[in-house]
Amino acid sequence: MRPILLVLTVCVAFGQSAAPPAFEVASVKASAPLEGGAMMFGSGNMRGGPGSTDPGRITYNSVLLKAVVARAYNVKEYQVEGPAWLDSERYDIMATMPQGVTKEQLALMLQGLLAERFKLTLHHENKAIPVYVLSVGKGGPKLKEVDPAVVAAAAPAPPPPPSRVPSKSIPAGMARVMIGMNNRRLEGSLTMARLCDNLSNWVDRPLLDQTDLKGTYEFDLLWTPDESDRIAGQMSMAMAAAGHTPPPPGEAGPGASEPGLSLAQALQTNYGLKLEAKRNPADVIVIEHAEKVPTAN
C-alpha cells in the first residue's frame, strides 16, 4: 500500500498550482468630476510600483480603463479596443503590494484586479493598424549623439516643470515640447524610442521606431502640424501628466505666423530621418466585456 499512497501523494502535490500574485489592499472607484465642468484629456496619472520611488504602492489618478489594461498586458493603448466609454470614464486606483514585487508580478496583479473589480474579459487578435514609421533616410542620419557618460550621470529624479527649465538646462535623456499658435517645437536629448513616444502625443496615430539607432541624440525640432495632427496636439495640450506647457513669457518659442515644415519634412531635412504612414500588424487586445461601475472596495 505504501507505494500506492506515495504515488497518490505526489500526484496531488503536482496537481496543486500556486495562487497568482495579488495586491495586499486595493481601492478602485470612479474619479470625481472636475470642477466647473472642465474636461481632462490623456490617459491620467500613473505612479508607483517596481522601479519607482514608491515600489510598494501604485497610485493611479483619473486614469482611463484602457490605460490600465495596456499596463496590465504590456501593450500600448492603441493596441486596446473595446466600448467607446473606455476613452471617457476615469477611475482612481490605489493599491499596496509586498516588498520585492517585480514588474511582471505587478502586471499579473493588475490583470487579477481588472477581472475582479471590472469583470473584464478579453481576447487577442492580430490586426493591421495605421501607424507612422520612423526610419533612417537614404542619405543616412544627421544626428549629434550625446556622450554616454553624460547620459549616465544625468539625475534620475524628474526635472522641474518645463516652463521653469532654461532651454540649455534640460537634463540628458529628457525633452520638452513648446506650443505655438501654428507650430510645435521639441527640444532636448532623447533616444529614438523616447523621441517616438514624445511625438506620438502630437500626431494622430502611433509612431514606431525602426531606425535601429541605439544612442541618445540632441534634438531641436520645429514643425507645423497638419489639421489632423493639430487636433491631436490640442488634446495633448490638456494632458496634465505629460509635462508639456507653452513656453514661458519672454522665451523664444515656435513661430506663430508663417507656416513651416511638416513633421516629416523637418525630420528628413534636419536629421536625415524618414517618416512614413503605413499599416503594421500588431497584437490587439479586444475587450469583450467590462463593467463601467467597478465593484465596491
C-alpha atoms as a PDB file:
ATOM      1  CA  MET A   1       0.000   0.000   0.000  1.00  0.00           C
ATOM      2  CA  ARG A   2       2.839   2.416   0.695  1.00  0.00           C
ATOM      3  CA  PRO A   3       3.951   2.762  -2.952  1.00  0.00           C
ATOM      4  CA  ILE A   4       0.355   3.444  -3.987  1.00  0.00           C
ATOM      5  CA  LEU A   5      -0.065   6.073  -1.273  1.00  0.00           C
ATOM      6  CA  LEU A   6       3.234   7.656  -2.289  1.00  0.00           C
ATOM      7  CA  VAL A   7       2.139   7.909  -5.916  1.00  0.00           C
ATOM      8  CA  LEU A   8      -1.183   9.451  -4.930  1.00  0.00           C
ATOM      9  CA  THR A   9       0.536  11.971  -2.672  1.00  0.00           C
ATOM     10  CA  VAL A  10       2.948  13.033  -5.415  1.00  0.00           C
ATOM     11  CA  CYS A  11       0.094  13.408  -7.907  1.00  0.00           C
ATOM     12  CA  VAL A  12      -1.832  15.632  -5.508  1.00  0.00           C
ATOM     13  CA  ALA A  13       1.250  17.728  -4.811  1.00  0.00           C
ATOM     14  CA  PHE A  14       1.987  18.309  -8.503  1.00  0.00           C
ATOM     15  CA  GLY A  15      -1.678  18.967  -9.224  1.00  0.00           C
ATOM     16  CA  GLN A  16      -1.682  21.981  -6.927  1.00  0.00           C
ATOM     17  CA  SER A  17      -0.694  25.290  -8.536  1.00  0.00           C
ATOM     18  CA  ALA A  18       0.495  28.434  -6.781  1.00  0.00           C
ATOM     19  CA  ALA A  19      -2.082  31.185  -6.396  1.00  0.00           C
ATOM     20  CA  PRO A  20      -1.492  34.162  -8.720  1.00  0.00           C
ATOM     21  CA  PRO A  21       0.038  37.235  -7.036  1.00  0.00           C
ATOM     22  CA  ALA A  22      -2.472  39.728  -5.656  1.00  0.00           C
ATOM     23  CA  PHE A  23      -2.417  43.174  -4.067  1.00  0.00           C
ATOM     24  CA  GLU A  24      -2.464  43.341  -0.283  1.00  0.00           C
ATOM     25  CA  VAL A  25      -5.088  46.106  -0.317  1.00  0.00           C
ATOM     26  CA  ALA A  26      -6.717  47.769  -3.326  1.00  0.00           C
ATOM     27  CA  SER A  27      -9.151  50.656  -3.714  1.00  0.00           C
ATOM     28  CA  VAL A  28     -10.930  51.206  -7.046  1.00  0.00           C
ATOM     29  CA  LYS A  29     -13.528  53.931  -7.577  1.00  0.00           C
ATOM     30  CA  ALA A  30     -14.829  56.269 -10.241  1.00  0.00           C
ATOM     31  CA  SER A  31     -12.994  59.610 -10.349  1.00  0.00           C
ATOM     32  CA  ALA A  32     -14.822  62.686  -9.118  1.00  0.00           C
ATOM     33  CA  PRO A  33     -15.880  65.106 -11.901  1.00  0.00           C
ATOM     34  CA  LEU A  34     -13.575  68.054 -12.486  1.00  0.00           C
ATOM     35  CA  GLU A  35     -14.735  71.399 -11.168  1.00  0.00           C
ATOM     36  CA  GLY A  36     -16.584  73.776 -13.426  1.00  0.00           C
ATOM     37  CA  GLY A  37     -17.408  71.129 -15.995  1.00  0.00           C
ATOM     38  CA  ALA A  38     -13.773  71.008 -17.132  1.00  0.00           C
ATOM     39  CA  MET A  39     -12.605  68.062 -19.229  1.00  0.00           C
ATOM     40  CA  MET A  40      -9.400  66.068 -18.912  1.00  0.00           C
ATOM     41  CA  PHE A  41      -7.508  64.624 -21.843  1.00  0.00           C
ATOM     42  CA  GLY A  42      -4.813  61.972 -21.884  1.00  0.00           C
ATOM     43  CA  SER A  43      -4.603  58.696 -20.008  1.00  0.00           C
ATOM     44  CA  GLY A  44      -4.326  60.005 -16.460  1.00  0.00           C
ATOM     45  CA  ASN A  45      -1.543  59.953 -13.907  1.00  0.00           C
ATOM     46  CA  MET A  46       0.018  56.549 -13.099  1.00  0.00           C
ATOM     47  CA  ARG A  47       2.670  56.495 -10.376  1.00  0.00           C
ATOM     48  CA  GLY A  48       4.469  53.958  -8.213  1.00  0.00           C
ATOM     49  CA  GLY A  49       5.336  50.288  -8.481  1.00  0.00           C
ATOM     50  CA  PRO A  50       8.585  48.396  -9.121  1.00  0.00           C
ATOM     51  CA  GLY A  51      11.425  50.612 -10.325  1.00  0.00           C
ATOM     52  CA  SER A  52       9.839  53.812  -8.968  1.00  0.00           C
ATOM     53  CA  THR A  53      10.454  55.807  -5.804  1.00  0.00           C
ATOM     54  CA  ASP A  54       7.386  54.115  -4.270  1.00  0.00           C
ATOM     55  CA  PRO A  55       7.851  50.421  -5.153  1.00  0.00           C
ATOM     56  CA  GLY A  56       5.309  49.099  -2.642  1.00  0.00           C
ATOM     57  CA  ARG A  57       2.329  51.106  -3.865  1.00  0.00           C
ATOM     58  CA  ILE A  58       0.604  52.212  -7.062  1.00  0.00           C
ATOM     59  CA  THR A  59      -1.381  55.442  -7.264  1.00  0.00           C
ATOM     60  CA  TYR A  60      -3.382  55.912 -10.450  1.00  0.00           C
ATOM     61  CA  ASN A  61      -5.365  59.154 -10.548  1.00  0.00           C
ATOM     62  CA  SER A  62      -8.121  59.845 -13.081  1.00  0.00           C
ATOM     63  CA  VAL A  63      -6.982  57.021 -15.371  1.00  0.00           C
ATOM     64  CA  LEU A  64      -8.751  55.568 -18.364  1.00  0.00           C
ATOM     65  CA  LEU A  65      -9.501  51.865 -18.057  1.00  0.00           C
ATOM     66  CA  LYS A  66      -7.799  51.435 -21.450  1.00  0.00           C
ATOM     67  CA  ALA A  67      -4.545  52.725 -19.947  1.00  0.00           C
ATOM     68  CA  VAL A  68      -4.708  50.260 -17.045  1.00  0.00           C
ATOM     69  CA  VAL A  69      -5.418  47.358 -19.416  1.00  0.00           C
ATOM     70  CA  ALA A  70      -2.437  48.403 -21.547  1.00  0.00           C
ATOM     71  CA  ARG A  71      -0.206  48.489 -18.453  1.00  0.00           C
ATOM     72  CA  ALA A  72      -1.506  45.118 -17.243  1.00  0.00           C
ATOM     73  CA  TYR A  73      -0.909  43.356 -20.573  1.00  0.00           C
ATOM     74  CA  ASN A  74       2.286  45.225 -21.566  1.00  0.00           C
ATOM     75  CA  VAL A  75       0.924  46.780 -24.753  1.00  0.00           C
ATOM     76  CA  LYS A  76       0.371  50.332 -25.996  1.00  0.00           C
ATOM     77  CA  GLU A  77      -3.034  51.943 -25.582  1.00  0.00           C
ATOM     78  CA  TYR A  78      -3.622  51.900 -29.329  1.00  0.00           C
ATOM     79  CA  GLN A  79      -3.486  48.093 -29.082  1.00  0.00           C
ATOM     80  CA  VAL A  80      -6.572  48.028 -26.828  1.00  0.00           C
ATOM     81  CA  GLU A  81     -10.045  48.024 -28.413  1.00  0.00           C
ATOM     82  CA  GLY A  82     -13.456  47.936 -26.794  1.00  0.00           C
ATOM     83  CA  PRO A  83     -16.534  50.010 -25.946  1.00  0.00           C
ATOM     84  CA  ALA A  84     -16.394  53.774 -26.528  1.00  0.00           C
ATOM     85  CA  TRP A  85     -16.547  54.587 -22.806  1.00  0.00           C
ATOM     86  CA  LEU A  86     -13.006  53.235 -22.401  1.00  0.00           C
ATOM     87  CA  ASP A  87     -11.899  56.658 -23.713  1.00  0.00           C
ATOM     88  CA  SER A  88     -14.073  58.713 -21.374  1.00  0.00           C
ATOM     89  CA  GLU A  89     -14.746  57.057 -17.986  1.00  0.00           C
ATOM     90  CA  ARG A  90     -11.989  57.663 -15.419  1.00  0.00           C
ATOM     91  CA  TYR A  91     -11.011  55.896 -12.211  1.00  0.00           C
ATOM     92  CA  ASP A  92      -8.814  56.301  -9.135  1.00  0.00           C
ATOM     93  CA  ILE A  93      -6.875  53.153  -8.229  1.00  0.00           C
ATOM     94  CA  MET A  94      -4.641  52.808  -5.185  1.00  0.00           C
ATOM     95  CA  ALA A  95      -3.095  49.524  -4.090  1.00  0.00           C
ATOM     96  CA  THR A  96      -0.272  48.192  -1.953  1.00  0.00           C
ATOM     97  CA  MET A  97       1.866  45.136  -2.629  1.00  0.00           C
ATOM     98  CA  PRO A  98       4.528  43.070  -0.845  1.00  0.00           C
ATOM     99  CA  GLN A  99       8.147  44.131  -0.966  1.00  0.00           C
ATOM    100  CA  GLY A 100      10.190  42.804  -3.871  1.00  0.00           C
ATOM    101  CA  VAL A 101       7.338  42.528  -6.385  1.00  0.00           C
ATOM    102  CA  THR A 102       8.610  42.557  -9.978  1.00  0.00           C
ATOM    103  CA  LYS A 103       7.072  44.373 -12.951  1.00  0.00           C
ATOM    104  CA  GLU A 104       5.879  41.037 -14.284  1.00  0.00           C
ATOM    105  CA  GLN A 105       4.174  40.229 -10.984  1.00  0.00           C
ATOM    106  CA  LEU A 106       2.592  43.688 -10.881  1.00  0.00           C
ATOM    107  CA  ALA A 107       1.146  43.071 -14.352  1.00  0.00           C
ATOM    108  CA  LEU A 108      -0.464  39.841 -13.102  1.00  0.00           C
ATOM    109  CA  MET A 109      -1.839  41.688 -10.075  1.00  0.00           C
ATOM    110  CA  LEU A 110      -3.402  44.305 -12.348  1.00  0.00           C
ATOM    111  CA  GLN A 111      -4.908  41.597 -14.525  1.00  0.00           C
ATOM    112  CA  GLY A 112      -6.488  39.984 -11.474  1.00  0.00           C
ATOM    113  CA  LEU A 113      -7.748  43.337 -10.187  1.00  0.00           C
ATOM    114  CA  LEU A 114      -9.361  44.143 -13.551  1.00  0.00           C
ATOM    115  CA  ALA A 115     -11.069  40.766 -13.681  1.00  0.00           C
ATOM    116  CA  GLU A 116     -12.303  41.057 -10.088  1.00  0.00           C
ATOM    117  CA  ARG A 117     -13.483  44.671  -9.985  1.00  0.00           C
ATOM    118  CA  PHE A 118     -14.490  45.302 -13.601  1.00  0.00           C
ATOM    119  CA  LYS A 119     -15.409  41.721 -14.577  1.00  0.00           C
ATOM    120  CA  LEU A 120     -13.052  42.188 -17.505  1.00  0.00           C
ATOM    121  CA  THR A 121     -12.885  39.550 -20.235  1.00  0.00           C
ATOM    122  CA  LEU A 122     -10.858  39.887 -23.421  1.00  0.00           C
ATOM    123  CA  HIS A 123      -9.121  38.085 -26.252  1.00  0.00           C
ATOM    124  CA  HIS A 124      -6.136  38.761 -28.538  1.00  0.00           C
ATOM    125  CA  GLU A 125      -6.300  39.395 -32.272  1.00  0.00           C
ATOM    126  CA  ASN A 126      -3.619  40.129 -34.857  1.00  0.00           C
ATOM    127  CA  LYS A 127      -4.632  43.219 -36.847  1.00  0.00           C
ATOM    128  CA  ALA A 128      -3.081  45.695 -39.265  1.00  0.00           C
ATOM    129  CA  ILE A 129      -3.356  49.159 -37.722  1.00  0.00           C
ATOM    130  CA  PRO A 130      -2.427  52.608 -39.118  1.00  0.00           C
ATOM    131  CA  VAL A 131       0.908  53.872 -37.809  1.00  0.00           C
ATOM    132  CA  TYR A 132       3.774  56.186 -38.642  1.00  0.00           C
ATOM    133  CA  VAL A 133       7.152  54.505 -39.035  1.00  0.00           C
ATOM    134  CA  LEU A 134      10.410  56.369 -38.414  1.00  0.00           C
ATOM    135  CA  SER A 135      13.470  55.045 -40.262  1.00  0.00           C
ATOM    136  CA  VAL A 136      16.831  56.350 -41.499  1.00  0.00           C
ATOM    137  CA  GLY A 137      16.636  58.220 -44.833  1.00  0.00           C
ATOM    138  CA  LYS A 138      18.677  57.393 -47.933  1.00  0.00           C
ATOM    139  CA  GLY A 139      21.414  59.890 -47.109  1.00  0.00           C
ATOM    140  CA  GLY A 140      21.951  58.496 -43.613  1.00  0.00           C
ATOM    141  CA  PRO A 141      21.248  60.141 -40.250  1.00  0.00           C
ATOM    142  CA  LYS A 142      22.316  63.698 -39.437  1.00  0.00           C
ATOM    143  CA  LEU A 143      22.336  63.408 -35.669  1.00  0.00           C
ATOM    144  CA  LYS A 144      24.589  64.602 -32.861  1.00  0.00           C
ATOM    145  CA  GLU A 145      24.984  61.873 -30.247  1.00  0.00           C
ATOM    146  CA  VAL A 146      25.156  62.770 -26.569  1.00  0.00           C
ATOM    147  CA  ASP A 147      28.182  61.399 -24.714  1.00  0.00           C
ATOM    148  CA  PRO A 148      27.002  58.171 -22.964  1.00  0.00           C
ATOM    149  CA  ALA A 149      28.842  59.308 -19.812  1.00  0.00           C
ATOM    150  CA  VAL A 150      26.706  62.444 -19.720  1.00  0.00           C
ATOM    151  CA  VAL A 151      23.530  60.382 -20.072  1.00  0.00           C
ATOM    152  CA  ALA A 152      24.639  58.003 -17.299  1.00  0.00           C
ATOM    153  CA  ALA A 153      25.405  60.926 -14.990  1.00  0.00           C
ATOM    154  CA  ALA A 154      22.030  62.606 -15.526  1.00  0.00           C
ATOM    155  CA  ALA A 155      19.983  62.823 -12.335  1.00  0.00           C
ATOM    156  CA  PRO A 156      17.261  60.133 -12.186  1.00  0.00           C
ATOM    157  CA  ALA A 157      14.827  62.486 -10.453  1.00  0.00           C
ATOM    158  CA  PRO A 158      12.251  64.158 -12.713  1.00  0.00           C
ATOM    159  CA  PRO A 159      13.177  67.685 -13.836  1.00  0.00           C
ATOM    160  CA  PRO A 160      11.283  70.809 -12.750  1.00  0.00           C
ATOM    161  CA  PRO A 161       8.190  71.746 -14.770  1.00  0.00           C
ATOM    162  CA  PRO A 162       9.209  72.620 -18.350  1.00  0.00           C
ATOM    163  CA  SER A 163       8.065  76.218 -18.004  1.00  0.00           C
ATOM    164  CA  ARG A 164      10.799  76.707 -15.398  1.00  0.00           C
ATOM    165  CA  VAL A 165      13.612  74.882 -17.185  1.00  0.00           C
ATOM    166  CA  PRO A 166      16.015  77.095 -19.176  1.00  0.00           C
ATOM    167  CA  SER A 167      16.387  75.779 -22.724  1.00  0.00           C
ATOM    168  CA  LYS A 168      20.065  74.933 -22.194  1.00  0.00           C
ATOM    169  CA  SER A 169      19.462  73.095 -18.901  1.00  0.00           C
ATOM    170  CA  ILE A 170      17.275  70.170 -19.963  1.00  0.00           C
ATOM    171  CA  PRO A 171      18.845  67.015 -18.443  1.00  0.00           C
ATOM    172  CA  ALA A 172      20.279  64.419 -20.816  1.00  0.00           C
ATOM    173  CA  GLY A 173      17.625  61.910 -21.780  1.00  0.00           C
ATOM    174  CA  MET A 174      14.806  64.444 -21.303  1.00  0.00           C
ATOM    175  CA  ALA A 175      12.933  66.804 -23.612  1.00  0.00           C
ATOM    176  CA  ARG A 176      10.070  69.275 -23.653  1.00  0.00           C
ATOM    177  CA  VAL A 177       7.551  70.320 -26.260  1.00  0.00           C
ATOM    178  CA  MET A 178       6.688  74.001 -26.640  1.00  0.00           C
ATOM    179  CA  ILE A 179       3.416  75.038 -28.230  1.00  0.00           C
ATOM    180  CA  GLY A 180       2.935  77.982 -30.582  1.00  0.00           C
ATOM    181  CA  MET A 181      -0.184  79.130 -32.385  1.00  0.00           C
ATOM    182  CA  ASN A 182       0.774  77.245 -35.556  1.00  0.00           C
ATOM    183  CA  ASN A 183       3.936  75.342 -34.707  1.00  0.00           C
ATOM    184  CA  ARG A 184       5.379  72.813 -32.284  1.00  0.00           C
ATOM    185  CA  ARG A 185       8.946  72.607 -31.036  1.00  0.00           C
ATOM    186  CA  LEU A 186      10.609  69.626 -29.340  1.00  0.00           C
ATOM    187  CA  GLU A 187      13.913  70.394 -27.655  1.00  0.00           C
ATOM    188  CA  GLY A 188      16.232  68.138 -25.658  1.00  0.00           C
ATOM    189  CA  SER A 189      18.170  64.887 -25.917  1.00  0.00           C
ATOM    190  CA  LEU A 190      16.424  61.557 -26.410  1.00  0.00           C
ATOM    191  CA  THR A 191      16.813  58.002 -27.583  1.00  0.00           C
ATOM    192  CA  MET A 192      14.930  57.219 -30.774  1.00  0.00           C
ATOM    193  CA  ALA A 193      12.355  55.216 -28.806  1.00  0.00           C
ATOM    194  CA  ARG A 194      11.732  58.169 -26.473  1.00  0.00           C
ATOM    195  CA  LEU A 195      11.570  60.541 -29.442  1.00  0.00           C
ATOM    196  CA  CYS A 196       8.834  58.406 -30.994  1.00  0.00           C
ATOM    197  CA  ASP A 197       6.948  58.217 -27.691  1.00  0.00           C
ATOM    198  CA  ASN A 198       7.057  62.017 -27.376  1.00  0.00           C
ATOM    199  CA  LEU A 199       5.990  62.680 -30.952  1.00  0.00           C
ATOM    200  CA  SER A 200       3.166  60.129 -30.678  1.00  0.00           C
ATOM    201  CA  ASN A 201       1.411  62.611 -28.365  1.00  0.00           C
ATOM    202  CA  TRP A 202       1.279  65.164 -31.177  1.00  0.00           C
ATOM    203  CA  VAL A 203       0.165  63.133 -34.195  1.00  0.00           C
ATOM    204  CA  ASP A 204      -2.990  61.217 -34.988  1.00  0.00           C
ATOM    205  CA  ARG A 205      -1.582  57.683 -34.845  1.00  0.00           C
ATOM    206  CA  PRO A 206       1.198  55.653 -33.121  1.00  0.00           C
ATOM    207  CA  LEU A 207       4.769  56.404 -34.173  1.00  0.00           C
ATOM    208  CA  LEU A 208       7.133  53.415 -34.270  1.00  0.00           C
ATOM    209  CA  ASP A 209      10.925  53.434 -34.182  1.00  0.00           C
ATOM    210  CA  GLN A 210      12.548  51.411 -36.959  1.00  0.00           C
ATOM    211  CA  THR A 211      15.821  53.371 -37.169  1.00  0.00           C
ATOM    212  CA  ASP A 212      17.957  50.783 -35.324  1.00  0.00           C
ATOM    213  CA  LEU A 213      19.845  53.731 -33.768  1.00  0.00           C
ATOM    214  CA  LYS A 214      20.836  52.982 -30.178  1.00  0.00           C
ATOM    215  CA  GLY A 215      22.284  56.244 -28.833  1.00  0.00           C
ATOM    216  CA  THR A 216      20.875  59.378 -27.226  1.00  0.00           C
ATOM    217  CA  TYR A 217      20.747  62.335 -29.609  1.00  0.00           C
ATOM    218  CA  GLU A 218      20.232  66.093 -29.438  1.00  0.00           C
ATOM    219  CA  PHE A 219      17.076  67.494 -30.969  1.00  0.00           C
ATOM    220  CA  ASP A 220      15.718  70.961 -31.644  1.00  0.00           C
ATOM    221  CA  LEU A 221      12.800  70.060 -33.869  1.00  0.00           C
ATOM    222  CA  LEU A 222      10.390  72.708 -35.160  1.00  0.00           C
ATOM    223  CA  TRP A 223       7.373  71.749 -37.277  1.00  0.00           C
ATOM    224  CA  THR A 224       3.907  72.849 -38.357  1.00  0.00           C
ATOM    225  CA  PRO A 225       1.236  70.193 -37.688  1.00  0.00           C
ATOM    226  CA  ASP A 226      -1.339  69.364 -40.338  1.00  0.00           C
ATOM    227  CA  GLU A 227      -5.047  69.551 -39.460  1.00  0.00           C
ATOM    228  CA  SER A 228      -5.414  66.027 -38.039  1.00  0.00           C
ATOM    229  CA  ASP A 229      -2.180  66.347 -36.083  1.00  0.00           C
ATOM    230  CA  ARG A 230      -3.270  69.779 -34.869  1.00  0.00           C
ATOM    231  CA  ILE A 231      -6.394  68.221 -33.317  1.00  0.00           C
ATOM    232  CA  ALA A 232      -4.302  65.507 -31.668  1.00  0.00           C
ATOM    233  CA  GLY A 233      -1.940  68.172 -30.360  1.00  0.00           C
ATOM    234  CA  GLN A 234      -4.766  70.263 -28.949  1.00  0.00           C
ATOM    235  CA  MET A 235      -5.891  67.245 -26.950  1.00  0.00           C
ATOM    236  CA  SER A 236      -2.346  66.607 -25.742  1.00  0.00           C
ATOM    237  CA  MET A 237      -2.057  70.200 -24.550  1.00  0.00           C
ATOM    238  CA  ALA A 238      -4.527  69.318 -21.789  1.00  0.00           C
ATOM    239  CA  MET A 239      -2.586  66.280 -20.567  1.00  0.00           C
ATOM    240  CA  ALA A 240      -1.585  67.306 -17.076  1.00  0.00           C
ATOM    241  CA  ALA A 241       0.668  64.284 -16.596  1.00  0.00           C
ATOM    242  CA  ALA A 242       2.545  64.799 -19.881  1.00  0.00           C
ATOM    243  CA  GLY A 243       4.506  67.787 -18.607  1.00  0.00           C
ATOM    244  CA  HIS A 244       4.146  69.773 -21.851  1.00  0.00           C
ATOM    245  CA  THR A 245       3.488  73.500 -21.417  1.00  0.00           C
ATOM    246  CA  PRO A 246       3.663  76.620 -23.560  1.00  0.00           C
ATOM    247  CA  PRO A 247       6.993  78.500 -23.476  1.00  0.00           C
ATOM    248  CA  PRO A 248       7.284  80.946 -20.575  1.00  0.00           C
ATOM    249  CA  PRO A 249       6.917  84.669 -21.258  1.00  0.00           C
ATOM    250  CA  GLY A 250       9.999  86.195 -22.851  1.00  0.00           C
ATOM    251  CA  GLU A 251      11.445  82.867 -24.028  1.00  0.00           C
ATOM    252  CA  ALA A 252      11.834  82.164 -27.730  1.00  0.00           C
ATOM    253  CA  GLY A 253       9.263  79.624 -28.827  1.00  0.00           C
ATOM    254  CA  PRO A 254       7.732  78.323 -32.039  1.00  0.00           C
ATOM    255  CA  GLY A 255       6.822  80.852 -34.699  1.00  0.00           C
ATOM    256  CA  ALA A 256       3.186  81.920 -34.667  1.00  0.00           C
ATOM    257  CA  SER A 257       2.691  83.362 -38.152  1.00  0.00           C
ATOM    258  CA  GLU A 258       4.244  81.768 -41.226  1.00  0.00           C
ATOM    259  CA  PRO A 259       3.744  78.007 -41.680  1.00  0.00           C
ATOM    260  CA  GLY A 260       6.932  75.966 -41.774  1.00  0.00           C
ATOM    261  CA  LEU A 261       8.000  72.400 -42.445  1.00  0.00           C
ATOM    262  CA  SER A 262       5.714  69.491 -41.699  1.00  0.00           C
ATOM    263  CA  LEU A 263       6.929  66.980 -39.131  1.00  0.00           C
ATOM    264  CA  ALA A 264       8.051  64.569 -41.873  1.00  0.00           C
ATOM    265  CA  GLN A 265       9.901  67.352 -43.713  1.00  0.00           C
ATOM    266  CA  ALA A 266      11.576  68.643 -40.532  1.00  0.00           C
ATOM    267  CA  LEU A 267      12.792  65.169 -39.558  1.00  0.00           C
ATOM    268  CA  GLN A 268      14.128  64.478 -43.061  1.00  0.00           C
ATOM    269  CA  THR A 269      15.738  67.907 -43.633  1.00  0.00           C
ATOM    270  CA  ASN A 270      17.339  68.386 -40.230  1.00  0.00           C
ATOM    271  CA  TYR A 271      18.066  64.848 -39.065  1.00  0.00           C
ATOM    272  CA  GLY A 272      18.027  62.550 -42.092  1.00  0.00           C
ATOM    273  CA  LEU A 273      15.075  60.582 -40.696  1.00  0.00           C
ATOM    274  CA  LYS A 274      12.194  59.320 -42.814  1.00  0.00           C
ATOM    275  CA  LEU A 275       8.613  59.382 -41.533  1.00  0.00           C
ATOM    276  CA  GLU A 276       6.086  57.248 -43.411  1.00  0.00           C
ATOM    277  CA  ALA A 277       2.424  56.367 -42.937  1.00  0.00           C
ATOM    278  CA  LYS A 278       1.918  52.592 -43.012  1.00  0.00           C
ATOM    279  CA  ARG A 279      -0.271  49.796 -41.731  1.00  0.00           C
ATOM    280  CA  ASN A 280       1.586  47.465 -39.386  1.00  0.00           C
ATOM    281  CA  PRO A 281       0.449  44.166 -37.868  1.00  0.00           C
ATOM    282  CA  ALA A 282       0.005  44.337 -34.119  1.00  0.00           C
ATOM    283  CA  ASP A 283      -1.245  42.182 -31.256  1.00  0.00           C
ATOM    284  CA  VAL A 284      -4.547  43.874 -30.392  1.00  0.00           C
ATOM    285  CA  ILE A 285      -6.408  43.232 -27.153  1.00  0.00           C
ATOM    286  CA  VAL A 286     -10.169  43.206 -27.764  1.00  0.00           C
ATOM    287  CA  ILE A 287     -12.237  43.774 -24.635  1.00  0.00           C
ATOM    288  CA  GLU A 288     -15.311  41.548 -24.747  1.00  0.00           C
ATOM    289  CA  HIS A 289     -16.878  42.738 -21.510  1.00  0.00           C
ATOM    290  CA  ALA A 290     -16.128  45.266 -18.775  1.00  0.00           C
ATOM    291  CA  GLU A 291     -18.383  46.799 -16.124  1.00  0.00           C
ATOM    292  CA  LYS A 292     -18.419  50.588 -16.225  1.00  0.00           C
ATOM    293  CA  VAL A 293     -19.020  50.714 -12.456  1.00  0.00           C
ATOM    294  CA  PRO A 294     -16.391  48.707 -10.523  1.00  0.00           C
ATOM    295  CA  THR A 295     -17.442  46.516  -7.609  1.00  0.00           C
ATOM    296  CA  ALA A 296     -17.255  48.118  -4.190  1.00  0.00           C
ATOM    297  CA  ASN A 297     -13.988  48.134  -2.250  1.00  0.00           C
END
